[in-house]
N, C-alpha and C. Protein backbone atom coordinates (compact mmCIF):
# COMPACT_ATOMS: atom_id res chain seq x y z
N MET A 1 38.06 -0.27 186.28
CA MET A 1 38.10 -1.64 185.83
C MET A 1 37.05 -1.80 184.73
N THR A 2 37.45 -2.47 183.67
CA THR A 2 36.54 -2.62 182.53
C THR A 2 35.61 -3.81 182.76
N THR A 3 34.58 -3.85 181.98
CA THR A 3 33.60 -4.94 182.06
C THR A 3 34.26 -6.27 181.70
N ARG A 4 35.18 -6.17 180.73
CA ARG A 4 35.90 -7.37 180.30
C ARG A 4 36.74 -7.97 181.42
N SER A 5 37.47 -7.13 182.14
CA SER A 5 38.32 -7.63 183.21
C SER A 5 37.49 -8.16 184.38
N ARG A 6 36.32 -7.51 184.64
CA ARG A 6 35.44 -8.03 185.69
C ARG A 6 34.92 -9.41 185.31
N GLY A 7 34.56 -9.58 184.06
CA GLY A 7 34.07 -10.88 183.57
C GLY A 7 35.14 -11.95 183.67
N ALA A 8 36.37 -11.59 183.31
CA ALA A 8 37.49 -12.54 183.38
C ALA A 8 37.75 -12.94 184.83
N ARG A 9 37.68 -11.95 185.74
CA ARG A 9 37.89 -12.25 187.16
C ARG A 9 36.78 -13.15 187.70
N ALA A 10 35.56 -12.91 187.28
CA ALA A 10 34.43 -13.72 187.73
C ALA A 10 34.59 -15.17 187.25
N VAL A 11 35.00 -15.33 186.00
CA VAL A 11 35.21 -16.68 185.46
C VAL A 11 36.35 -17.36 186.22
N ALA A 12 37.44 -16.66 186.49
CA ALA A 12 38.57 -17.23 187.22
C ALA A 12 38.14 -17.61 188.65
N ALA A 13 37.37 -16.76 189.31
CA ALA A 13 36.90 -17.04 190.66
C ALA A 13 35.99 -18.27 190.67
N ALA A 14 35.12 -18.36 189.66
CA ALA A 14 34.22 -19.52 189.57
C ALA A 14 35.02 -20.80 189.35
N ALA A 15 36.05 -20.74 188.51
CA ALA A 15 36.89 -21.92 188.24
C ALA A 15 37.63 -22.35 189.52
N ILE A 16 38.13 -21.38 190.27
CA ILE A 16 38.82 -21.70 191.52
C ILE A 16 37.85 -22.32 192.52
N LEU A 17 36.64 -21.80 192.60
CA LEU A 17 35.62 -22.33 193.51
C LEU A 17 35.26 -23.77 193.12
N VAL A 18 35.05 -24.03 191.83
CA VAL A 18 34.73 -25.38 191.36
C VAL A 18 35.88 -26.33 191.68
N ALA A 19 37.12 -25.90 191.45
CA ALA A 19 38.28 -26.75 191.75
C ALA A 19 38.37 -27.06 193.24
N ALA A 20 38.12 -26.08 194.09
CA ALA A 20 38.20 -26.29 195.53
C ALA A 20 37.11 -27.25 196.01
N VAL A 21 35.89 -27.06 195.52
CA VAL A 21 34.78 -27.96 195.90
C VAL A 21 35.08 -29.38 195.41
N SER A 22 35.59 -29.49 194.20
CA SER A 22 35.93 -30.80 193.64
C SER A 22 37.00 -31.50 194.48
N ALA A 23 38.00 -30.75 194.89
CA ALA A 23 39.07 -31.33 195.72
C ALA A 23 38.52 -31.80 197.06
N VAL A 24 37.69 -31.00 197.69
CA VAL A 24 37.12 -31.37 198.99
C VAL A 24 36.24 -32.61 198.85
N LEU A 25 35.39 -32.65 197.83
CA LEU A 25 34.53 -33.81 197.62
C LEU A 25 35.37 -35.06 197.29
N GLY A 26 36.39 -34.89 196.47
CA GLY A 26 37.24 -36.02 196.12
C GLY A 26 37.94 -36.60 197.33
N VAL A 27 38.50 -35.75 198.15
CA VAL A 27 39.19 -36.21 199.37
C VAL A 27 38.19 -36.87 200.32
N SER A 28 37.00 -36.30 200.46
CA SER A 28 36.02 -36.87 201.39
C SER A 28 35.54 -38.24 200.94
N ARG A 29 35.57 -38.52 199.66
CA ARG A 29 35.15 -39.83 199.15
C ARG A 29 36.30 -40.83 199.12
N VAL A 30 37.49 -40.39 198.83
CA VAL A 30 38.63 -41.29 198.68
C VAL A 30 39.29 -41.62 200.02
N TRP A 31 39.37 -40.65 200.91
CA TRP A 31 40.10 -40.85 202.17
C TRP A 31 39.59 -42.05 202.97
N PRO A 32 38.27 -42.21 203.15
CA PRO A 32 37.81 -43.38 203.90
C PRO A 32 38.24 -44.70 203.24
N ARG A 33 38.23 -44.77 201.93
CA ARG A 33 38.68 -45.98 201.24
C ARG A 33 40.16 -46.23 201.46
N LEU A 34 40.94 -45.18 201.41
CA LEU A 34 42.38 -45.33 201.66
C LEU A 34 42.63 -45.79 203.09
N ASP A 35 41.88 -45.24 204.02
CA ASP A 35 42.03 -45.62 205.42
C ASP A 35 41.67 -47.10 205.61
N THR A 36 40.58 -47.54 205.00
CA THR A 36 40.17 -48.95 205.09
C THR A 36 41.22 -49.86 204.47
N ALA A 37 41.71 -49.50 203.30
CA ALA A 37 42.74 -50.29 202.62
C ALA A 37 44.02 -50.35 203.45
N HIS A 38 44.39 -49.24 204.04
CA HIS A 38 45.60 -49.21 204.87
C HIS A 38 45.47 -50.15 206.06
N ARG A 39 44.31 -50.11 206.73
CA ARG A 39 44.09 -51.00 207.87
C ARG A 39 44.14 -52.47 207.45
N ALA A 40 43.61 -52.78 206.27
CA ALA A 40 43.55 -54.17 205.82
C ALA A 40 44.91 -54.68 205.36
N TYR A 41 45.69 -53.86 204.67
CA TYR A 41 46.90 -54.34 204.02
C TYR A 41 48.19 -53.99 204.73
N ALA A 42 48.17 -53.05 205.64
CA ALA A 42 49.40 -52.65 206.33
C ALA A 42 49.96 -53.78 207.19
N VAL A 43 49.12 -54.70 207.61
CA VAL A 43 49.57 -55.80 208.46
C VAL A 43 50.23 -56.93 207.67
N LEU A 44 50.14 -56.89 206.33
CA LEU A 44 50.73 -57.94 205.51
C LEU A 44 52.25 -57.83 205.49
N SER A 45 52.91 -58.98 205.49
CA SER A 45 54.36 -58.98 205.31
C SER A 45 54.65 -58.54 203.89
N SER A 46 55.89 -58.19 203.60
CA SER A 46 56.21 -57.75 202.24
C SER A 46 55.96 -58.87 201.23
N GLY A 47 56.27 -60.12 201.61
CA GLY A 47 56.01 -61.25 200.71
C GLY A 47 54.54 -61.45 200.44
N SER A 48 53.72 -61.33 201.49
CA SER A 48 52.27 -61.46 201.31
C SER A 48 51.71 -60.32 200.47
N ALA A 49 52.23 -59.13 200.70
CA ALA A 49 51.77 -57.97 199.93
C ALA A 49 52.13 -58.12 198.45
N GLU A 50 53.33 -58.64 198.18
CA GLU A 50 53.74 -58.84 196.78
C GLU A 50 52.82 -59.83 196.07
N ARG A 51 52.37 -60.84 196.79
CA ARG A 51 51.55 -61.90 196.19
C ARG A 51 50.06 -61.63 196.27
N PHE A 52 49.67 -60.56 196.93
CA PHE A 52 48.25 -60.28 197.12
C PHE A 52 47.49 -60.19 195.80
N PRO A 53 48.02 -59.54 194.76
CA PRO A 53 47.25 -59.47 193.51
C PRO A 53 46.91 -60.86 192.96
N ALA A 54 47.81 -61.81 193.08
CA ALA A 54 47.52 -63.17 192.59
C ALA A 54 46.36 -63.76 193.38
N ARG A 55 46.41 -63.64 194.70
CA ARG A 55 45.30 -64.16 195.53
C ARG A 55 43.99 -63.46 195.19
N ASP A 56 44.08 -62.16 194.98
CA ASP A 56 42.88 -61.38 194.66
C ASP A 56 42.27 -61.85 193.33
N LEU A 57 43.09 -62.33 192.41
CA LEU A 57 42.61 -62.85 191.13
C LEU A 57 42.13 -64.30 191.23
N GLY A 58 42.30 -64.90 192.40
CA GLY A 58 41.91 -66.30 192.56
C GLY A 58 42.98 -67.27 192.11
N LEU A 59 44.22 -66.79 192.00
CA LEU A 59 45.34 -67.64 191.58
C LEU A 59 46.13 -68.07 192.81
N ASP A 60 46.85 -69.17 192.68
CA ASP A 60 47.66 -69.69 193.78
C ASP A 60 49.09 -69.16 193.64
N PRO A 61 49.51 -68.23 194.50
CA PRO A 61 50.86 -67.65 194.39
C PRO A 61 51.97 -68.69 194.52
N ALA A 62 51.75 -69.76 195.28
CA ALA A 62 52.78 -70.79 195.44
C ALA A 62 53.10 -71.45 194.10
N VAL A 63 52.10 -71.61 193.26
CA VAL A 63 52.32 -72.20 191.93
C VAL A 63 53.21 -71.26 191.09
N PHE A 64 52.96 -69.97 191.17
CA PHE A 64 53.76 -69.03 190.40
C PHE A 64 55.18 -68.92 190.94
N ASP A 65 55.35 -69.11 192.24
CA ASP A 65 56.70 -69.17 192.81
C ASP A 65 57.43 -70.41 192.25
N PHE A 66 56.71 -71.51 192.13
CA PHE A 66 57.25 -72.74 191.54
C PHE A 66 57.70 -72.48 190.09
N TYR A 67 56.86 -71.82 189.30
CA TYR A 67 57.24 -71.49 187.92
C TYR A 67 58.50 -70.63 187.90
N ARG A 68 58.52 -69.65 188.77
CA ARG A 68 59.65 -68.71 188.84
C ARG A 68 60.96 -69.44 189.14
N ARG A 69 60.91 -70.41 190.05
CA ARG A 69 62.11 -71.18 190.40
C ARG A 69 62.60 -72.03 189.23
N ASN A 70 61.71 -72.43 188.35
CA ASN A 70 62.07 -73.36 187.28
C ASN A 70 62.43 -72.69 185.96
N LEU A 71 61.99 -71.47 185.75
CA LEU A 71 62.32 -70.77 184.50
C LEU A 71 63.60 -69.95 184.67
N LYS A 72 64.41 -69.95 183.63
CA LYS A 72 65.66 -69.17 183.66
C LYS A 72 65.41 -67.76 183.11
N PRO A 73 66.19 -66.79 183.54
CA PRO A 73 66.07 -65.44 182.97
C PRO A 73 66.25 -65.49 181.45
N GLY A 74 65.37 -64.82 180.76
CA GLY A 74 65.44 -64.77 179.30
C GLY A 74 64.75 -65.93 178.61
N GLU A 75 64.38 -66.97 179.35
CA GLU A 75 63.67 -68.09 178.75
C GLU A 75 62.27 -67.64 178.35
N ARG A 76 61.82 -68.05 177.18
CA ARG A 76 60.51 -67.64 176.67
C ARG A 76 59.49 -68.72 177.03
N PHE A 77 58.39 -68.30 177.67
CA PHE A 77 57.38 -69.26 178.08
C PHE A 77 56.01 -68.91 177.51
N PHE A 78 55.24 -69.94 177.22
CA PHE A 78 53.88 -69.83 176.72
C PHE A 78 52.95 -70.24 177.86
N VAL A 79 51.90 -69.46 178.12
CA VAL A 79 50.97 -69.77 179.21
C VAL A 79 49.82 -70.62 178.68
N ARG A 80 49.64 -71.77 179.31
CA ARG A 80 48.52 -72.66 178.97
C ARG A 80 47.60 -72.71 180.18
N ALA A 81 46.36 -72.25 180.01
CA ALA A 81 45.37 -72.27 181.07
C ALA A 81 43.99 -72.34 180.42
N PRO A 82 43.01 -72.88 181.13
CA PRO A 82 41.66 -72.96 180.57
C PRO A 82 41.15 -71.59 180.14
N GLN A 83 40.44 -71.58 178.99
CA GLN A 83 39.91 -70.33 178.47
C GLN A 83 38.39 -70.29 178.51
N SER A 84 37.80 -70.99 179.46
CA SER A 84 36.34 -70.98 179.56
C SER A 84 35.92 -70.20 180.80
N GLY A 85 34.64 -69.92 180.88
CA GLY A 85 34.12 -69.18 182.03
C GLY A 85 33.94 -67.72 181.69
N VAL A 86 33.28 -67.01 182.59
CA VAL A 86 33.01 -65.59 182.37
C VAL A 86 34.33 -64.82 182.26
N VAL A 87 35.19 -64.99 183.26
CA VAL A 87 36.54 -64.44 183.20
C VAL A 87 37.46 -65.66 183.23
N SER A 88 37.98 -66.01 182.08
CA SER A 88 38.75 -67.25 181.99
C SER A 88 39.99 -67.20 182.87
N LEU A 89 40.37 -68.38 183.31
CA LEU A 89 41.58 -68.51 184.11
C LEU A 89 42.78 -68.01 183.31
N TRP A 90 42.77 -68.25 182.01
CA TRP A 90 43.85 -67.80 181.13
C TRP A 90 43.98 -66.29 181.17
N ARG A 91 42.87 -65.59 181.14
CA ARG A 91 42.90 -64.11 181.17
C ARG A 91 43.45 -63.58 182.49
N LYS A 92 43.29 -64.35 183.56
CA LYS A 92 43.83 -63.93 184.85
C LYS A 92 45.28 -64.38 185.01
N ALA A 93 45.59 -65.59 184.59
CA ALA A 93 46.93 -66.15 184.81
C ALA A 93 47.98 -65.51 183.91
N ARG A 94 47.63 -65.19 182.68
CA ARG A 94 48.62 -64.69 181.73
C ARG A 94 49.26 -63.37 182.16
N PRO A 95 48.48 -62.34 182.53
CA PRO A 95 49.13 -61.09 182.95
C PRO A 95 49.95 -61.25 184.24
N TRP A 96 49.45 -62.07 185.16
CA TRP A 96 50.20 -62.26 186.40
C TRP A 96 51.51 -62.98 186.09
N ALA A 97 51.48 -63.97 185.20
CA ALA A 97 52.71 -64.68 184.82
C ALA A 97 53.69 -63.71 184.16
N TRP A 98 53.18 -62.87 183.29
CA TRP A 98 54.03 -61.89 182.61
C TRP A 98 54.78 -61.04 183.63
N TYR A 99 54.07 -60.62 184.68
CA TYR A 99 54.68 -59.79 185.72
C TYR A 99 55.59 -60.61 186.65
N TRP A 100 55.06 -61.68 187.22
CA TRP A 100 55.73 -62.39 188.30
C TRP A 100 56.93 -63.21 187.83
N LEU A 101 56.90 -63.67 186.59
CA LEU A 101 57.96 -64.56 186.13
C LEU A 101 59.12 -63.85 185.43
N ALA A 102 59.05 -62.53 185.32
CA ALA A 102 60.18 -61.78 184.77
C ALA A 102 61.40 -62.02 185.65
N PRO A 103 62.56 -62.17 185.09
CA PRO A 103 63.02 -61.81 183.75
C PRO A 103 62.83 -62.89 182.68
N ALA A 104 62.12 -64.00 182.98
CA ALA A 104 61.69 -64.88 181.90
C ALA A 104 60.67 -64.08 181.08
N ILE A 105 60.46 -64.46 179.84
CA ILE A 105 59.67 -63.64 178.93
C ILE A 105 58.43 -64.40 178.48
N GLU A 106 57.25 -63.81 178.71
CA GLU A 106 56.01 -64.41 178.25
C GLU A 106 55.94 -64.30 176.73
N GLU A 107 55.63 -65.42 176.08
CA GLU A 107 55.57 -65.48 174.61
C GLU A 107 54.18 -65.93 174.19
N GLY A 108 53.50 -65.12 173.41
CA GLY A 108 52.15 -65.45 172.96
C GLY A 108 52.12 -66.44 171.81
N ASP A 109 53.26 -66.63 171.15
CA ASP A 109 53.35 -67.54 170.01
C ASP A 109 54.05 -68.83 170.46
N LEU A 110 53.32 -69.92 170.49
CA LEU A 110 53.87 -71.19 170.96
C LEU A 110 55.11 -71.60 170.16
N ALA A 111 55.14 -71.28 168.88
CA ALA A 111 56.28 -71.66 168.02
C ALA A 111 57.58 -70.99 168.45
N LYS A 112 57.49 -69.86 169.15
CA LYS A 112 58.68 -69.13 169.59
C LYS A 112 59.05 -69.41 171.04
N ALA A 113 58.23 -70.18 171.75
CA ALA A 113 58.43 -70.42 173.18
C ALA A 113 59.45 -71.52 173.43
N ASP A 114 60.17 -71.42 174.55
CA ASP A 114 61.09 -72.46 175.00
C ASP A 114 60.38 -73.44 175.93
N ALA A 115 59.38 -72.95 176.65
CA ALA A 115 58.70 -73.76 177.66
C ALA A 115 57.21 -73.41 177.69
N ILE A 116 56.44 -74.30 178.28
CA ILE A 116 55.01 -74.09 178.48
C ILE A 116 54.76 -74.07 179.99
N VAL A 117 54.14 -73.01 180.44
CA VAL A 117 53.72 -72.89 181.83
C VAL A 117 52.24 -73.26 181.84
N SER A 118 51.92 -74.39 182.47
CA SER A 118 50.53 -74.86 182.50
C SER A 118 49.90 -74.56 183.84
N TYR A 119 48.79 -73.85 183.80
CA TYR A 119 48.04 -73.54 185.01
C TYR A 119 46.70 -74.24 184.91
N ASP A 120 46.57 -75.34 185.63
CA ASP A 120 45.36 -76.16 185.64
C ASP A 120 45.01 -76.70 184.25
N ASP A 121 46.03 -77.13 183.52
CA ASP A 121 45.82 -77.70 182.19
C ASP A 121 46.99 -78.60 181.85
N ASP A 122 46.81 -79.47 180.87
CA ASP A 122 47.83 -80.42 180.47
C ASP A 122 48.60 -79.87 179.27
N PRO A 123 49.92 -79.66 179.37
CA PRO A 123 50.68 -79.09 178.25
C PRO A 123 50.71 -80.01 177.03
N SER A 124 50.54 -81.31 177.22
CA SER A 124 50.59 -82.23 176.07
C SER A 124 49.41 -82.03 175.14
N ARG A 125 48.36 -81.40 175.60
CA ARG A 125 47.19 -81.13 174.74
C ARG A 125 47.50 -80.15 173.63
N LEU A 126 48.62 -79.45 173.72
CA LEU A 126 48.99 -78.49 172.68
C LEU A 126 49.57 -79.17 171.44
N GLY A 127 49.97 -80.43 171.57
CA GLY A 127 50.44 -81.18 170.41
C GLY A 127 51.86 -80.89 169.96
N VAL A 128 52.67 -80.31 170.84
CA VAL A 128 54.07 -80.08 170.49
C VAL A 128 54.93 -81.11 171.22
N PRO A 129 56.10 -81.48 170.65
CA PRO A 129 56.95 -82.45 171.35
C PRO A 129 57.54 -81.83 172.62
N LEU A 130 57.39 -82.55 173.71
CA LEU A 130 57.85 -82.05 175.00
C LEU A 130 59.07 -82.82 175.47
N GLY A 131 59.96 -82.09 176.13
CA GLY A 131 61.11 -82.70 176.78
C GLY A 131 60.80 -82.88 178.24
N ARG A 132 61.62 -82.29 179.07
CA ARG A 132 61.46 -82.40 180.53
C ARG A 132 60.20 -81.67 180.99
N ILE A 133 59.48 -82.29 181.91
CA ILE A 133 58.29 -81.69 182.52
C ILE A 133 58.48 -81.73 184.03
N VAL A 134 58.34 -80.58 184.67
CA VAL A 134 58.41 -80.50 186.13
C VAL A 134 57.01 -80.11 186.61
N ARG A 135 56.46 -80.94 187.50
CA ARG A 135 55.09 -80.73 187.98
C ARG A 135 55.10 -80.19 189.41
N PHE A 136 54.16 -79.32 189.69
CA PHE A 136 54.00 -78.77 191.04
C PHE A 136 53.55 -79.91 191.95
N PRO A 137 54.19 -80.09 193.10
CA PRO A 137 53.84 -81.19 193.99
C PRO A 137 52.36 -81.17 194.41
N GLY A 138 51.71 -82.29 194.17
CA GLY A 138 50.30 -82.43 194.56
C GLY A 138 49.31 -81.88 193.57
N LYS A 139 49.79 -81.20 192.52
CA LYS A 139 48.90 -80.64 191.52
C LYS A 139 49.49 -80.92 190.13
N PRO A 140 49.26 -82.11 189.58
CA PRO A 140 49.92 -82.48 188.33
C PRO A 140 49.53 -81.63 187.12
N ARG A 141 48.42 -80.90 187.19
CA ARG A 141 48.01 -80.05 186.05
C ARG A 141 48.67 -78.67 186.10
N TYR A 142 49.60 -78.49 187.02
CA TYR A 142 50.37 -77.24 187.15
C TYR A 142 51.82 -77.62 186.90
N SER A 143 52.38 -77.17 185.78
CA SER A 143 53.72 -77.65 185.43
C SER A 143 54.46 -76.65 184.56
N VAL A 144 55.76 -76.93 184.43
CA VAL A 144 56.60 -76.27 183.43
C VAL A 144 57.11 -77.38 182.54
N ALA A 145 56.84 -77.27 181.25
CA ALA A 145 57.26 -78.28 180.29
C ALA A 145 58.11 -77.58 179.22
N TRP A 146 59.30 -78.13 178.98
CA TRP A 146 60.16 -77.55 177.97
C TRP A 146 59.89 -78.20 176.62
N ILE A 147 59.84 -77.39 175.59
CA ILE A 147 59.54 -77.87 174.26
C ILE A 147 60.81 -78.46 173.66
N ARG A 148 60.67 -79.66 173.14
CA ARG A 148 61.80 -80.35 172.52
C ARG A 148 61.94 -79.86 171.08
N ARG A 149 63.11 -79.40 170.72
CA ARG A 149 63.34 -78.88 169.36
C ARG A 149 64.29 -79.79 168.63
């Protein structure tokens, strides 16, 4: 056996050893977290599990269900929510709306939107002519307002 082949084997053995140690350490750190998460979330119904990300973001899933019932597939909606605070409500509500309200389409340009989805804000503050407005029961600042063209 040549010196070169011994060196190559030593490097390969060292790489295999590093990979094995890394795998063992990774599993030992991740497994307890997975076990904890499984115990916490396995008891959720499928509906609760689907809505968990909204709750985790501090959003009210019932409001988004209301939006979903009122928007038609393919309808383009603009998200209106407060943009103040360390992590603005708008930054949390917009991605969740994009996901949860599909097949309606989130539109970042108000001029191209068919409707305004307002989360804790008044859609009339945007200054566009509004047609029908449907408000979430008990929370008038949560609504779907269709833009009059």
